[in-house]
PDB file of N, CA and C in Angstrom:
ATOM      1  N   UNK A   1     -13.018  -8.822   6.202  1.00  0.00           N
ATOM      2  CA  UNK A   1     -12.287  -9.734   5.264  1.00  0.00           C
ATOM      3  C   UNK A   1     -11.049 -10.380   5.828  1.00  0.00           C
ATOM      4  N   UNK A   2     -10.929 -11.598   5.764  1.00  0.00           N
ATOM      5  CA  UNK A   2      -9.739 -12.309   6.236  1.00  0.00           C
ATOM      6  C   UNK A   2      -8.830 -12.690   5.101  1.00  0.00           C
ATOM      7  N   UNK A   3      -7.609 -12.318   5.154  1.00  0.00           N
ATOM      8  CA  UNK A   3      -6.695 -12.647   3.955  1.00  0.00           C
ATOM      9  C   UNK A   3      -5.529 -13.540   4.543  1.00  0.00           C
ATOM     10  N   UNK A   4      -4.874 -14.265   3.685  1.00  0.00           N
ATOM     11  CA  UNK A   4      -3.591 -14.876   4.059  1.00  0.00           C
ATOM     12  C   UNK A   4      -2.567 -14.429   3.189  1.00  0.00           C
ATOM     13  N   UNK A   5      -1.338 -14.446   3.785  1.00  0.00           N
ATOM     14  CA  UNK A   5      -0.194 -14.034   3.023  1.00  0.00           C
ATOM     15  C   UNK A   5       0.209 -15.123   1.891  1.00  0.00           C
ATOM     16  N   UNK A   6       0.778 -14.522   0.811  1.00  0.00           N
ATOM     17  CA  UNK A   6       1.213 -15.447  -0.286  1.00  0.00           C
ATOM     18  C   UNK A   6       2.778 -15.454  -0.348  1.00  0.00           C
ATOM     19  N   UNK A   7       3.479 -16.499  -0.445  1.00  0.00           N
ATOM     20  CA  UNK A   7       4.874 -16.518  -0.587  1.00  0.00           C
ATOM     21  C   UNK A   7       5.332 -15.856  -1.839  1.00  0.00           C
ATOM     22  N   UNK A   8       6.220 -14.982  -1.685  1.00  0.00           N
ATOM     23  CA  UNK A   8       6.842 -14.182  -2.899  1.00  0.00           C
ATOM     24  C   UNK A   8       8.353 -14.097  -2.660  1.00  0.00           C
ATOM     25  N   UNK A   9       8.954 -15.168  -3.224  1.00  0.00           N
ATOM     26  CA  UNK A   9      10.438 -15.220  -3.052  1.00  0.00           C
ATOM     27  C   UNK A   9      10.870 -15.545  -1.597  1.00  0.00           C
ATOM     28  N   UNK A  10      11.680 -14.668  -1.032  1.00  0.00           N
ATOM     29  CA  UNK A  10      11.968 -14.746   0.402  1.00  0.00           C
ATOM     30  C   UNK A  10      11.016 -14.002   1.251  1.00  0.00           C
ATOM     31  N   UNK A  11       9.987 -13.325   0.693  1.00  0.00           N
ATOM     32  CA  UNK A  11       9.076 -12.513   1.354  1.00  0.00           C
ATOM     33  C   UNK A  11       7.728 -13.042   1.383  1.00  0.00           C
ATOM     34  N   UNK A  12       6.784 -12.228   1.948  1.00  0.00           N
ATOM     35  CA  UNK A  12       5.334 -12.711   1.810  1.00  0.00           C
ATOM     36  C   UNK A  12       4.578 -11.539   1.268  1.00  0.00           C
ATOM     37  N   UNK A  13       3.517 -11.788   0.500  1.00  0.00           N
ATOM     38  CA  UNK A  13       2.864 -10.716  -0.009  1.00  0.00           C
ATOM     39  C   UNK A  13       1.160 -10.833   0.224  1.00  0.00           C
ATOM     40  N   UNK A  14       0.587  -9.706   0.330  1.00  0.00           N
ATOM     41  CA  UNK A  14      -0.821  -9.688   0.479  1.00  0.00           C
ATOM     42  C   UNK A  14      -1.446  -9.174  -0.890  1.00  0.00           C
ATOM     43  N   UNK A  15      -2.278 -10.079  -1.401  1.00  0.00           N
ATOM     44  CA  UNK A  15      -3.039  -9.835  -2.599  1.00  0.00           C
ATOM     45  C   UNK A  15      -4.345  -9.095  -2.308  1.00  0.00           C
ATOM     46  N   UNK A  16      -4.282  -7.798  -3.084  1.00  0.00           N
ATOM     47  CA  UNK A  16      -5.471  -6.938  -2.786  1.00  0.00           C
ATOM     48  C   UNK A  16      -6.389  -7.057  -4.044  1.00  0.00           C
ATOM     49  N   UNK A  17      -7.573  -7.582  -3.911  1.00  0.00           N
ATOM     50  CA  UNK A  17      -8.354  -7.856  -4.941  1.00  0.00           C
ATOM     51  C   UNK A  17      -8.830  -6.516  -5.767  1.00  0.00           C
ATOM     52  N   UNK A  18      -9.278  -6.605  -7.023  1.00  0.00           N
ATOM     53  CA  UNK A  18      -9.597  -5.454  -7.829  1.00  0.00           C
ATOM     54  C   UNK A  18     -10.737  -4.573  -7.212  1.00  0.00           C
ATOM     55  N   UNK A  19     -11.840  -5.213  -6.546  1.00  0.00           N
ATOM     56  CA  UNK A  19     -12.776  -4.369  -6.020  1.00  0.00           C
ATOM     57  C   UNK A  19     -12.312  -3.378  -4.927  1.00  0.00           C
ATOM     58  N   UNK A  20     -11.399  -3.809  -4.048  1.00  0.00           N
ATOM     59  CA  UNK A  20     -10.759  -3.104  -3.104  1.00  0.00           C
ATOM     60  C   UNK A  20      -9.934  -1.997  -3.626  1.00  0.00           C
ATOM     61  N   UNK A  21      -9.133  -2.374  -4.744  1.00  0.00           N
ATOM     62  CA  UNK A  21      -8.268  -1.442  -5.338  1.00  0.00           C
ATOM     63  C   UNK A  21      -9.095  -0.248  -6.063  1.00  0.00           C
ATOM     64  N   UNK A  22     -10.161  -0.724  -6.662  1.00  0.00           N
ATOM     65  CA  UNK A  22     -11.139   0.246  -7.184  1.00  0.00           C
ATOM     66  C   UNK A  22     -11.677   1.288  -6.163  1.00  0.00           C
ATOM     67  N   UNK A  23     -12.104   0.705  -5.073  1.00  0.00           N
ATOM     68  CA  UNK A  23     -12.567   1.630  -3.903  1.00  0.00           C
ATOM     69  C   UNK A  23     -11.560   2.614  -3.529  1.00  0.00           C
ATOM     70  N   UNK A  24     -10.290   2.145  -3.517  1.00  0.00           N
ATOM     71  CA  UNK A  24      -9.224   2.979  -3.040  1.00  0.00           C
ATOM     72  C   UNK A  24      -8.762   3.870  -4.101  1.00  0.00           C
ATOM     73  N   UNK A  25      -9.239   3.655  -5.351  1.00  0.00           N
ATOM     74  CA  UNK A  25      -8.681   4.353  -6.563  1.00  0.00           C
ATOM     75  C   UNK A  25      -7.195   4.216  -6.820  1.00  0.00           C
ATOM     76  N   UNK A  26      -6.812   2.903  -6.504  1.00  0.00           N
ATOM     77  CA  UNK A  26      -5.592   2.385  -6.785  1.00  0.00           C
ATOM     78  C   UNK A  26      -5.340   1.591  -7.910  1.00  0.00           C
ATOM     79  N   UNK A  27      -4.052   1.294  -8.346  1.00  0.00           N
ATOM     80  CA  UNK A  27      -3.908   0.325  -9.382  1.00  0.00           C
ATOM     81  C   UNK A  27      -2.571  -0.490  -8.865  1.00  0.00           C
ATOM     82  N   UNK A  28      -2.080  -1.370  -9.718  1.00  0.00           N
ATOM     83  CA  UNK A  28      -1.001  -2.159  -9.490  1.00  0.00           C
ATOM     84  C   UNK A  28       0.329  -1.400  -9.434  1.00  0.00           C
ATOM     85  N   UNK A  29       0.305  -0.068  -9.814  1.00  0.00           N
ATOM     86  CA  UNK A  29       1.553   0.728  -9.840  1.00  0.00           C
ATOM     87  C   UNK A  29       1.347   1.855  -8.806  1.00  0.00           C
ATOM     88  N   UNK A  30       0.400   1.766  -7.965  1.00  0.00           N
ATOM     89  CA  UNK A  30       0.190   2.795  -6.897  1.00  0.00           C
ATOM     90  C   UNK A  30       1.110   2.458  -5.850  1.00  0.00           C
ATOM     91  N   UNK A  31       1.754   3.442  -5.332  1.00  0.00           N
ATOM     92  CA  UNK A  31       2.745   3.384  -4.093  1.00  0.00           C
ATOM     93  C   UNK A  31       1.622   3.364  -2.963  1.00  0.00           C
ATOM     94  N   UNK A  32       2.047   2.559  -1.911  1.00  0.00           N
ATOM     95  CA  UNK A  32       1.254   2.634  -0.639  1.00  0.00           C
ATOM     96  C   UNK A  32       2.294   2.949   0.485  1.00  0.00           C
ATOM     97  N   UNK A  33       1.813   3.884   1.405  1.00  0.00           N
ATOM     98  CA  UNK A  33       2.508   4.127   2.727  1.00  0.00           C
ATOM     99  C   UNK A  33       2.020   2.922   3.737  1.00  0.00           C
ATOM    100  N   UNK A  34       2.990   2.297   4.221  1.00  0.00           N
ATOM    101  CA  UNK A  34       2.759   1.251   5.297  1.00  0.00           C
ATOM    102  C   UNK A  34       3.022   1.609   6.533  1.00  0.00           C
ATOM    103  N   UNK A  35       2.156   1.614   7.481  1.00  0.00           N
ATOM    104  CA  UNK A  35       2.428   1.985   8.789  1.00  0.00           C
ATOM    105  C   UNK A  35       1.883   0.940   9.829  1.00  0.00           C
ATOM    106  N   UNK A  36       2.556   0.613  10.846  1.00  0.00           N
ATOM    107  CA  UNK A  36       2.087  -0.373  11.810  1.00  0.00           C
ATOM    108  C   UNK A  36       2.353   0.185  13.239  1.00  0.00           C
ATOM    109  N   UNK A  37       1.467  -0.358  14.137  1.00  0.00           N
ATOM    110  CA  UNK A  37       1.639  -0.110  15.588  1.00  0.00           C
ATOM    111  C   UNK A  37       2.154  -1.364  16.335  1.00  0.00           C
ATOM    112  N   UNK A  38       2.696  -2.354  15.497  1.00  0.00           N
ATOM    113  CA  UNK A  38       3.161  -3.557  16.064  1.00  0.00           C
ATOM    114  C   UNK A  38       1.968  -4.572  16.097  1.00  0.00           C
ATOM    115  N   UNK A  39       0.766  -4.256  15.963  1.00  0.00           N
ATOM    116  CA  UNK A  39      -0.271  -5.104  15.942  1.00  0.00           C
ATOM    117  C   UNK A  39      -1.162  -5.164  14.730  1.00  0.00           C
ATOM    118  N   UNK A  40      -1.174  -4.066  13.885  1.00  0.00           N
ATOM    119  CA  UNK A  40      -1.926  -3.843  12.748  1.00  0.00           C
ATOM    120  C   UNK A  40      -1.157  -3.142  11.616  1.00  0.00           C
ATOM    121  N   UNK A  41      -1.513  -3.311  10.431  1.00  0.00           N
ATOM    122  CA  UNK A  41      -0.905  -2.649   9.347  1.00  0.00           C
ATOM    123  C   UNK A  41      -2.024  -1.698   8.756  1.00  0.00           C
ATOM    124  N   UNK A  42      -1.392  -0.412   8.358  1.00  0.00           N
ATOM    125  CA  UNK A  42      -2.340   0.454   7.862  1.00  0.00           C
ATOM    126  C   UNK A  42      -1.691   0.786   6.428  1.00  0.00           C
ATOM    127  N   UNK A  43      -2.404   0.580   5.383  1.00  0.00           N
ATOM    128  CA  UNK A  43      -1.959   0.757   3.817  1.00  0.00           C
ATOM    129  C   UNK A  43      -2.740   1.967   3.418  1.00  0.00           C
ATOM    130  N   UNK A  44      -2.088   3.051   2.991  1.00  0.00           N
ATOM    131  CA  UNK A  44      -2.733   4.201   2.461  1.00  0.00           C
ATOM    132  C   UNK A  44      -2.128   4.566   1.114  1.00  0.00           C
ATOM    133  N   UNK A  45      -2.844   4.587   0.045  1.00  0.00           N
ATOM    134  CA  UNK A  45      -2.321   4.835  -1.220  1.00  0.00           C
ATOM    135  C   UNK A  45      -1.726   6.130  -1.292  1.00  0.00           C
ATOM    136  N   UNK A  46      -0.482   6.336  -1.827  1.00  0.00           N
ATOM    137  CA  UNK A  46       0.184   7.688  -2.110  1.00  0.00           C
ATOM    138  C   UNK A  46      -0.235   8.227  -3.443  1.00  0.00           C
ATOM    139  N   UNK A  47      -0.949   9.437  -3.323  1.00  0.00           N
ATOM    140  CA  UNK A  47      -1.383  10.085  -4.411  1.00  0.00           C
ATOM    141  C   UNK A  47      -0.134  10.977  -5.127  1.00  0.00           C
ATOM    142  N   UNK A  48      -0.169  11.197  -6.319  1.00  0.00           N
ATOM    143  CA  UNK A  48       1.055  11.884  -6.876  1.00  0.00           C
ATOM    144  C   UNK A  48       1.267  13.270  -6.208  1.00  0.00           C
ATOM    145  N   UNK A  49       0.187  14.011  -5.841  1.00  0.00           N
ATOM    146  CA  UNK A  49       0.551  15.278  -5.257  1.00  0.00           C
ATOM    147  C   UNK A  49       1.257  15.087  -3.766  1.00  0.00           C
ATOM    148  N   UNK A  50       0.812  14.033  -3.003  1.00  0.00           N
ATOM    149  CA  UNK A  50       1.458  13.815  -1.772  1.00  0.00           C
ATOM    150  C   UNK A  50       2.904  13.311  -1.945  1.00  0.00           C
ATOM    151  N   UNK A  51       3.101  12.511  -2.923  1.00  0.00           N
ATOM    152  CA  UNK A  51       4.501  12.073  -3.176  1.00  0.00           C
ATOM    153  C   UNK A  51       5.339  13.294  -3.589  1.00  0.00           C
ATOM    154  N   UNK A  52       4.860  14.112  -4.409  1.00  0.00           N
ATOM    155  CA  UNK A  52       5.544  15.283  -4.897  1.00  0.00           C
ATOM    156  C   UNK A  52       5.902  16.223  -3.649  1.00  0.00           C
ATOM    157  N   UNK A  53       4.873  16.369  -2.782  1.00  0.00           N
ATOM    158  CA  UNK A  53       5.173  17.233  -1.456  1.00  0.00           C
ATOM    159  C   UNK A  53       6.251  16.696  -0.645  1.00  0.00           C
ATOM    160  N   UNK A  54       6.094  15.246  -0.512  1.00  0.00           N
ATOM    161  CA  UNK A  54       7.168  14.627   0.402  1.00  0.00           C
ATOM    162  C   UNK A  54       8.548  14.595  -0.297  1.00  0.00           C
ATOM    163  N   UNK A  55       8.563  14.546  -1.596  1.00  0.00           N
ATOM    164  CA  UNK A  55       9.965  14.611  -2.275  1.00  0.00           C
ATOM    165  C   UNK A  55      10.539  16.051  -2.070  1.00  0.00           C
ATOM    166  N   UNK A  56       9.675  16.997  -2.189  1.00  0.00           N
ATOM    167  CA  UNK A  56      10.276  18.378  -1.972  1.00  0.00           C
ATOM    168  C   UNK A  56      10.661  18.674  -0.555  1.00  0.00           C
ATOM    169  N   UNK A  57       9.857  18.067   0.279  1.00  0.00           N
ATOM    170  CA  UNK A  57      10.291  18.326   1.830  1.00  0.00           C
ATOM    171  C   UNK A  57      11.532  17.613   2.004  1.00  0.00           C
ATOM    172  N   UNK A  58      11.803  16.576   1.377  1.00  0.00           N
ATOM    173  CA  UNK A  58      13.006  15.839   1.701  1.00  0.00           C
ATOM    174  C   UNK A  58      14.401  16.329   1.153  1.00  0.00           C
ATOM    175  N   UNK A  59      14.243  17.210   0.468  1.00  0.00           N
ATOM    176  CA  UNK A  59      15.432  17.945  -0.282  1.00  0.00           C
ATOM    177  C   UNK A  59      15.938  19.098   0.630  1.00  0.00           C
TER     178      UNK A  59
END
């Protein structure tokens, strides 16, 4: 699938369609971890248990 970025204020946004969100078990409120190697982006939905673990580890 090829996507283009959409202007969003001074930034750019990537719109993710509902079928992809459903496949990932994500909603518009889901946090995503964003990782890059300088050539590609990897978006991973952050589940509540993972978020909770990271929060505890950061304290």
